[in-house]
Structures are given as C-alpha cells and as structure tokens.
Amino acid sequence: MQKMMLSGKIHTARVTDCQLYYEGSLEIDPLILKEAGIFPYEKILVVNRNNGTRFETYAIPGVPGQKQFMLNGPAAHQGKKGDVITIMAFSLATLEEAAAMEPRIVVLDENNNIICRKGRICPPVK
C-alpha cells in the first residue's frame, strides 16, 4: 500500500501578478520552490485564502530572487494581485516512508520573504 503525503508547502505567499493571456499556470521564484522541496513543473494544489478557491496546476520557475507568485493562463481567474495563497505538493510514499515523513514547509511574510522553515529535512532560517 502507498499513501499520498504532503511533501512540500509554501504558506502565505502573496500573488504578485495575474496574466490571463500567458502560457503556464503558477510562476514561482525557483529559490523558494527549492526551499520547499517542490520541483519546477511539479503538480501542485493551490488554496486562495482570500476567495476560498482550490485548484490544481503546476509550478513554473520564474526569475530567481524576484519572489514572484504569478497566476498565469486560466489560473489567473483564481485570484488577484495581493491574494494570500498556500501551495502544496504531494508525493507517494510506502507505509514505512509515510510514517517517518515530514514535509518541507516554508512560511512567507507579506513581501514573500521566508520567515520560517518547518520539517526536519529543512535547514533553519539564516
């Protein structure tokens, strides 16, 4: 048996832009993706705190260091600039792996700076 487990999470990210006529889904700063253990083009679940929407899409790497979270294409209908979103990635794990698994979680401030890291596989904030 396998379990679908949370493996990476970006909590309280602020949407920086929405581009309806743009290829892709959710553009994310690749440095933040890496900290959360989420791969470019990995399937993600996005939850919008402001409007309550939940949608699945994939992560597109943006410009490193820009701290952008841009809703692109049809995903642009799911939020607006300034909305607070949480991004989650899930991985299949055996029962043994699931029992020992802790996701990599990063919490962001209002400027999309990492203010907290959680999970035993994450280094502490410098």
N, C-alpha and C. Protein backbone atom coordinates (compact mmCIF):
# COMPACT_ATOMS: atom_id res chain seq x y z
N MET A 1 0.84 -1.18 0.00
CA MET A 1 0.00 0.00 0.00
C MET A 1 0.89 1.25 0.00
N GLN A 2 0.37 2.30 -0.64
CA GLN A 2 1.05 3.58 -0.64
C GLN A 2 0.11 4.66 -0.15
N LYS A 3 0.68 5.71 0.41
CA LYS A 3 -0.07 6.87 0.89
C LYS A 3 0.37 8.10 0.10
N MET A 4 -0.58 8.99 -0.15
CA MET A 4 -0.26 10.28 -0.78
C MET A 4 -0.02 11.26 0.36
N MET A 5 1.22 11.74 0.48
CA MET A 5 1.64 12.56 1.62
C MET A 5 2.08 13.95 1.16
N LEU A 6 1.82 14.94 2.02
CA LEU A 6 2.33 16.29 1.78
C LEU A 6 3.85 16.23 1.83
N SER A 7 4.51 16.70 0.78
CA SER A 7 5.98 16.67 0.76
C SER A 7 6.59 18.07 0.77
N GLY A 8 5.87 19.06 0.27
CA GLY A 8 6.37 20.43 0.26
C GLY A 8 5.22 21.42 0.32
N LYS A 9 5.48 22.56 0.98
CA LYS A 9 4.41 23.55 1.14
C LYS A 9 5.02 24.95 1.24
N ILE A 10 4.40 25.88 0.53
CA ILE A 10 4.74 27.30 0.63
C ILE A 10 3.50 27.97 1.22
N HIS A 11 3.64 28.50 2.43
CA HIS A 11 2.50 29.03 3.16
C HIS A 11 2.52 30.56 3.18
N THR A 12 1.38 31.16 2.97
CA THR A 12 1.14 32.61 3.00
C THR A 12 1.95 33.39 1.96
N ALA A 13 2.01 32.83 0.74
CA ALA A 13 2.62 33.58 -0.37
C ALA A 13 1.62 34.63 -0.86
N ARG A 14 2.15 35.75 -1.32
CA ARG A 14 1.29 36.81 -1.88
C ARG A 14 1.39 36.77 -3.39
N VAL A 15 0.23 36.77 -4.05
CA VAL A 15 0.19 36.82 -5.51
C VAL A 15 0.74 38.17 -5.95
N THR A 16 1.72 38.14 -6.85
CA THR A 16 2.34 39.38 -7.30
C THR A 16 1.79 39.89 -8.63
N ASP A 17 1.14 38.98 -9.39
CA ASP A 17 0.57 39.39 -10.68
C ASP A 17 -0.32 38.28 -11.20
N CYS A 18 -1.19 38.64 -12.15
CA CYS A 18 -2.05 37.69 -12.84
C CYS A 18 -2.01 38.02 -14.32
N GLN A 19 -1.69 37.05 -15.15
CA GLN A 19 -1.60 37.26 -16.59
C GLN A 19 -2.47 36.23 -17.30
N LEU A 20 -3.67 36.62 -17.69
CA LEU A 20 -4.60 35.69 -18.32
C LEU A 20 -4.05 35.18 -19.65
N TYR A 21 -3.51 36.06 -20.47
CA TYR A 21 -3.03 35.67 -21.80
C TYR A 21 -1.54 35.36 -21.75
N TYR A 22 -1.22 34.32 -21.02
CA TYR A 22 0.17 33.92 -20.81
C TYR A 22 0.21 32.41 -20.67
N GLU A 23 1.21 31.80 -21.24
CA GLU A 23 1.35 30.35 -21.14
C GLU A 23 1.73 29.96 -19.72
N GLY A 24 1.12 28.92 -19.23
CA GLY A 24 1.54 28.40 -17.94
C GLY A 24 0.49 28.49 -16.87
N SER A 25 0.89 28.26 -15.66
CA SER A 25 -0.05 28.20 -14.55
C SER A 25 0.38 29.08 -13.39
N LEU A 26 1.20 28.59 -12.46
CA LEU A 26 1.65 29.43 -11.35
C LEU A 26 3.16 29.57 -11.42
N GLU A 27 3.60 30.78 -11.71
CA GLU A 27 5.03 31.08 -11.78
C GLU A 27 5.52 31.42 -10.38
N ILE A 28 6.58 30.71 -9.95
CA ILE A 28 7.10 30.84 -8.59
C ILE A 28 8.61 31.03 -8.65
N ASP A 29 9.12 31.88 -7.79
CA ASP A 29 10.56 32.07 -7.65
C ASP A 29 11.21 30.70 -7.40
N PRO A 30 12.15 30.28 -8.26
CA PRO A 30 12.75 28.95 -8.10
C PRO A 30 13.54 28.77 -6.81
N LEU A 31 14.02 29.86 -6.21
CA LEU A 31 14.73 29.73 -4.93
C LEU A 31 13.76 29.33 -3.82
N ILE A 32 12.54 29.84 -3.89
CA ILE A 32 11.52 29.47 -2.91
C ILE A 32 11.03 28.05 -3.18
N LEU A 33 10.86 27.70 -4.46
CA LEU A 33 10.49 26.32 -4.80
C LEU A 33 11.48 25.33 -4.19
N LYS A 34 12.77 25.62 -4.37
CA LYS A 34 13.81 24.72 -3.87
C LYS A 34 13.73 24.58 -2.35
N GLU A 35 13.52 25.68 -1.64
CA GLU A 35 13.44 25.64 -0.18
C GLU A 35 12.27 24.77 0.29
N ALA A 36 11.19 24.74 -0.49
CA ALA A 36 10.02 23.95 -0.14
C ALA A 36 10.09 22.53 -0.68
N GLY A 37 11.15 22.22 -1.43
CA GLY A 37 11.28 20.88 -1.99
C GLY A 37 10.30 20.59 -3.11
N ILE A 38 9.85 21.64 -3.79
CA ILE A 38 8.92 21.49 -4.93
C ILE A 38 9.72 21.68 -6.22
N PHE A 39 9.56 20.75 -7.14
CA PHE A 39 10.29 20.80 -8.40
C PHE A 39 9.58 21.67 -9.43
N PRO A 40 10.34 22.31 -10.31
CA PRO A 40 9.71 23.00 -11.44
C PRO A 40 8.86 22.00 -12.23
N TYR A 41 7.68 22.41 -12.61
CA TYR A 41 6.72 21.64 -13.40
C TYR A 41 6.05 20.52 -12.61
N GLU A 42 6.25 20.50 -11.29
CA GLU A 42 5.57 19.53 -10.45
C GLU A 42 4.11 19.95 -10.26
N LYS A 43 3.22 18.96 -10.18
CA LYS A 43 1.81 19.22 -9.91
C LYS A 43 1.67 19.78 -8.50
N ILE A 44 0.85 20.83 -8.37
CA ILE A 44 0.64 21.47 -7.07
C ILE A 44 -0.85 21.72 -6.85
N LEU A 45 -1.21 21.81 -5.59
CA LEU A 45 -2.54 22.23 -5.17
C LEU A 45 -2.39 23.63 -4.59
N VAL A 46 -3.23 24.56 -5.04
CA VAL A 46 -3.15 25.94 -4.59
C VAL A 46 -4.46 26.29 -3.90
N VAL A 47 -4.36 26.91 -2.72
CA VAL A 47 -5.51 27.35 -1.95
C VAL A 47 -5.41 28.87 -1.79
N ASN A 48 -6.49 29.56 -2.12
CA ASN A 48 -6.52 31.02 -2.02
C ASN A 48 -7.30 31.40 -0.76
N ARG A 49 -6.60 32.00 0.21
CA ARG A 49 -7.22 32.39 1.48
C ARG A 49 -8.27 33.49 1.27
N ASN A 50 -8.07 34.34 0.28
CA ASN A 50 -8.97 35.49 0.10
C ASN A 50 -10.33 35.12 -0.50
N ASN A 51 -10.35 34.16 -1.43
CA ASN A 51 -11.62 33.83 -2.08
C ASN A 51 -12.06 32.38 -1.88
N GLY A 52 -11.24 31.58 -1.21
CA GLY A 52 -11.61 30.21 -0.89
C GLY A 52 -11.44 29.20 -2.01
N THR A 53 -10.91 29.62 -3.15
CA THR A 53 -10.74 28.67 -4.25
C THR A 53 -9.59 27.71 -3.99
N ARG A 54 -9.75 26.51 -4.53
CA ARG A 54 -8.70 25.48 -4.51
C ARG A 54 -8.58 24.99 -5.94
N PHE A 55 -7.35 24.91 -6.45
CA PHE A 55 -7.18 24.41 -7.81
C PHE A 55 -5.84 23.72 -7.96
N GLU A 56 -5.80 22.79 -8.89
CA GLU A 56 -4.56 22.07 -9.20
C GLU A 56 -3.96 22.67 -10.45
N THR A 57 -2.65 22.75 -10.46
CA THR A 57 -1.92 23.26 -11.60
C THR A 57 -0.49 22.73 -11.51
N TYR A 58 0.46 23.41 -12.10
CA TYR A 58 1.86 23.02 -11.96
C TYR A 58 2.71 24.26 -11.74
N ALA A 59 3.86 24.04 -11.12
CA ALA A 59 4.77 25.14 -10.77
C ALA A 59 5.68 25.46 -11.95
N ILE A 60 5.74 26.72 -12.32
CA ILE A 60 6.65 27.19 -13.37
C ILE A 60 7.74 28.00 -12.69
N PRO A 61 9.02 27.71 -12.97
CA PRO A 61 10.07 28.52 -12.36
C PRO A 61 10.10 29.92 -12.96
N GLY A 62 10.13 30.92 -12.08
CA GLY A 62 10.23 32.30 -12.51
C GLY A 62 11.67 32.77 -12.46
N VAL A 63 11.86 34.04 -12.22
CA VAL A 63 13.19 34.64 -12.14
C VAL A 63 13.70 34.47 -10.71
N PRO A 64 14.88 33.85 -10.53
CA PRO A 64 15.42 33.67 -9.18
C PRO A 64 15.59 34.99 -8.44
N GLY A 65 15.13 35.01 -7.19
CA GLY A 65 15.30 36.19 -6.34
C GLY A 65 14.23 37.25 -6.48
N GLN A 66 13.31 37.09 -7.43
CA GLN A 66 12.26 38.10 -7.64
C GLN A 66 11.07 37.94 -6.70
N LYS A 67 10.96 36.77 -6.05
CA LYS A 67 9.88 36.48 -5.08
C LYS A 67 8.50 36.64 -5.69
N GLN A 68 8.39 36.26 -6.97
CA GLN A 68 7.13 36.37 -7.68
C GLN A 68 6.28 35.11 -7.52
N PHE A 69 4.97 35.35 -7.46
CA PHE A 69 3.96 34.30 -7.49
C PHE A 69 2.90 34.80 -8.46
N MET A 70 3.02 34.39 -9.73
CA MET A 70 2.18 34.93 -10.78
C MET A 70 1.21 33.87 -11.30
N LEU A 71 -0.08 34.16 -11.19
CA LEU A 71 -1.11 33.28 -11.73
C LEU A 71 -1.21 33.54 -13.23
N ASN A 72 -0.99 32.49 -14.03
CA ASN A 72 -0.95 32.63 -15.48
C ASN A 72 -2.02 31.79 -16.15
N GLY A 73 -2.44 32.21 -17.32
CA GLY A 73 -3.44 31.47 -18.10
C GLY A 73 -4.75 31.37 -17.32
N PRO A 74 -5.49 30.28 -17.47
CA PRO A 74 -6.76 30.12 -16.77
C PRO A 74 -6.65 30.25 -15.25
N ALA A 75 -5.49 29.93 -14.68
CA ALA A 75 -5.30 30.07 -13.23
C ALA A 75 -5.43 31.52 -12.78
N ALA A 76 -5.26 32.47 -13.72
CA ALA A 76 -5.39 33.89 -13.38
C ALA A 76 -6.80 34.23 -12.92
N HIS A 77 -7.79 33.41 -13.26
CA HIS A 77 -9.16 33.62 -12.81
C HIS A 77 -9.34 33.24 -11.34
N GLN A 78 -8.36 32.57 -10.74
CA GLN A 78 -8.49 32.04 -9.38
C GLN A 78 -8.02 33.00 -8.29
N GLY A 79 -7.55 34.17 -8.68
CA GLY A 79 -7.08 35.12 -7.67
C GLY A 79 -6.74 36.46 -8.29
N LYS A 80 -6.24 37.34 -7.44
CA LYS A 80 -5.81 38.66 -7.91
C LYS A 80 -4.56 39.07 -7.14
N LYS A 81 -3.89 40.08 -7.65
CA LYS A 81 -2.68 40.58 -7.01
C LYS A 81 -2.96 40.90 -5.55
N GLY A 82 -2.08 40.42 -4.66
CA GLY A 82 -2.21 40.65 -3.23
C GLY A 82 -2.88 39.52 -2.47
N ASP A 83 -3.57 38.62 -3.18
CA ASP A 83 -4.20 37.49 -2.50
C ASP A 83 -3.16 36.62 -1.80
N VAL A 84 -3.55 36.04 -0.69
CA VAL A 84 -2.67 35.14 0.08
C VAL A 84 -2.99 33.71 -0.32
N ILE A 85 -1.96 33.00 -0.79
CA ILE A 85 -2.16 31.62 -1.25
C ILE A 85 -1.20 30.67 -0.52
N THR A 86 -1.61 29.42 -0.49
CA THR A 86 -0.77 28.35 0.00
C THR A 86 -0.61 27.34 -1.13
N ILE A 87 0.62 26.90 -1.36
CA ILE A 87 0.94 25.97 -2.43
C ILE A 87 1.43 24.67 -1.80
N MET A 88 0.85 23.54 -2.23
CA MET A 88 1.21 22.25 -1.66
C MET A 88 1.55 21.25 -2.74
N ALA A 89 2.58 20.44 -2.48
CA ALA A 89 2.95 19.33 -3.36
C ALA A 89 2.85 18.04 -2.55
N PHE A 90 2.47 16.97 -3.22
CA PHE A 90 2.27 15.68 -2.57
C PHE A 90 3.10 14.62 -3.27
N SER A 91 3.53 13.62 -2.50
CA SER A 91 4.33 12.51 -3.04
C SER A 91 3.79 11.20 -2.54
N LEU A 92 3.92 10.17 -3.38
CA LEU A 92 3.56 8.83 -2.95
C LEU A 92 4.65 8.27 -2.04
N ALA A 93 4.24 7.59 -0.99
CA ALA A 93 5.19 7.01 -0.05
C ALA A 93 4.68 5.64 0.40
N THR A 94 5.62 4.74 0.65
CA THR A 94 5.23 3.47 1.25
C THR A 94 4.77 3.74 2.67
N LEU A 95 4.16 2.77 3.32
CA LEU A 95 3.72 2.96 4.70
C LEU A 95 4.89 3.30 5.61
N GLU A 96 6.03 2.67 5.38
CA GLU A 96 7.22 2.94 6.19
C GLU A 96 7.73 4.36 5.96
N GLU A 97 7.79 4.77 4.69
CA GLU A 97 8.23 6.13 4.38
C GLU A 97 7.26 7.16 4.93
N ALA A 98 5.97 6.88 4.81
CA ALA A 98 4.94 7.81 5.28
C ALA A 98 5.03 8.02 6.79
N ALA A 99 5.33 6.95 7.52
CA ALA A 99 5.41 7.05 8.98
C ALA A 99 6.54 7.97 9.44
N ALA A 100 7.59 8.07 8.64
CA ALA A 100 8.76 8.87 9.02
C ALA A 100 8.81 10.22 8.29
N MET A 101 7.87 10.47 7.41
CA MET A 101 7.95 11.64 6.54
C MET A 101 7.54 12.92 7.25
N GLU A 102 8.30 13.98 7.01
CA GLU A 102 7.93 15.33 7.42
C GLU A 102 8.10 16.23 6.22
N PRO A 103 7.07 16.98 5.86
CA PRO A 103 7.18 17.84 4.68
C PRO A 103 8.12 19.02 4.91
N ARG A 104 8.63 19.56 3.81
CA ARG A 104 9.40 20.81 3.88
C ARG A 104 8.40 21.94 3.73
N ILE A 105 8.32 22.77 4.74
CA ILE A 105 7.35 23.86 4.75
C ILE A 105 8.09 25.18 4.95
N VAL A 106 7.79 26.14 4.07
CA VAL A 106 8.31 27.48 4.25
C VAL A 106 7.13 28.43 4.42
N VAL A 107 7.28 29.36 5.35
CA VAL A 107 6.26 30.37 5.62
C VAL A 107 6.83 31.71 5.17
N LEU A 108 6.01 32.47 4.45
CA LEU A 108 6.46 33.74 3.89
C LEU A 108 5.78 34.92 4.58
N ASP A 109 6.46 36.07 4.55
CA ASP A 109 5.87 37.30 5.07
C ASP A 109 5.13 38.03 3.94
N GLU A 110 4.69 39.24 4.19
CA GLU A 110 3.90 39.99 3.21
C GLU A 110 4.70 40.39 1.97
N ASN A 111 6.04 40.27 2.01
CA ASN A 111 6.89 40.56 0.85
C ASN A 111 7.47 39.30 0.22
N ASN A 112 6.91 38.14 0.58
CA ASN A 112 7.35 36.84 0.08
C ASN A 112 8.78 36.49 0.48
N ASN A 113 9.20 36.99 1.65
CA ASN A 113 10.47 36.58 2.24
C ASN A 113 10.20 35.38 3.15
N ILE A 114 11.12 34.41 3.16
CA ILE A 114 10.97 33.27 4.04
C ILE A 114 11.22 33.73 5.48
N ILE A 115 10.23 33.51 6.35
CA ILE A 115 10.38 33.88 7.75
C ILE A 115 10.44 32.66 8.66
N CYS A 116 10.10 31.50 8.13
CA CYS A 116 10.10 30.29 8.95
C CYS A 116 10.23 29.07 8.05
N ARG A 117 10.99 28.10 8.52
CA ARG A 117 11.09 26.80 7.86
C ARG A 117 10.67 25.75 8.87
N LYS A 118 9.90 24.79 8.39
CA LYS A 118 9.44 23.71 9.26
C LYS A 118 9.76 22.37 8.62
N GLY A 119 9.87 21.33 9.44
CA GLY A 119 10.17 20.00 8.93
C GLY A 119 11.60 19.63 9.20
N ARG A 120 11.82 18.41 9.56
CA ARG A 120 13.16 18.01 9.98
C ARG A 120 14.15 17.99 8.82
N ILE A 121 13.67 17.99 7.57
CA ILE A 121 14.60 17.97 6.44
C ILE A 121 14.94 19.37 5.94
N CYS A 122 14.47 20.39 6.64
CA CYS A 122 14.78 21.78 6.27
C CYS A 122 15.86 22.36 7.16
N PRO A 123 16.78 23.09 6.58
CA PRO A 123 17.74 23.83 7.42
C PRO A 123 17.04 25.00 8.09
N PRO A 124 17.53 25.47 9.22
CA PRO A 124 16.89 26.62 9.87
C PRO A 124 17.08 27.91 9.07
N VAL A 125 16.21 28.88 9.30
CA VAL A 125 16.34 30.18 8.65
C VAL A 125 17.63 30.85 9.12
N LYS A 126 18.37 31.44 8.17
CA LYS A 126 19.64 32.10 8.49
C LYS A 126 19.37 33.52 8.93
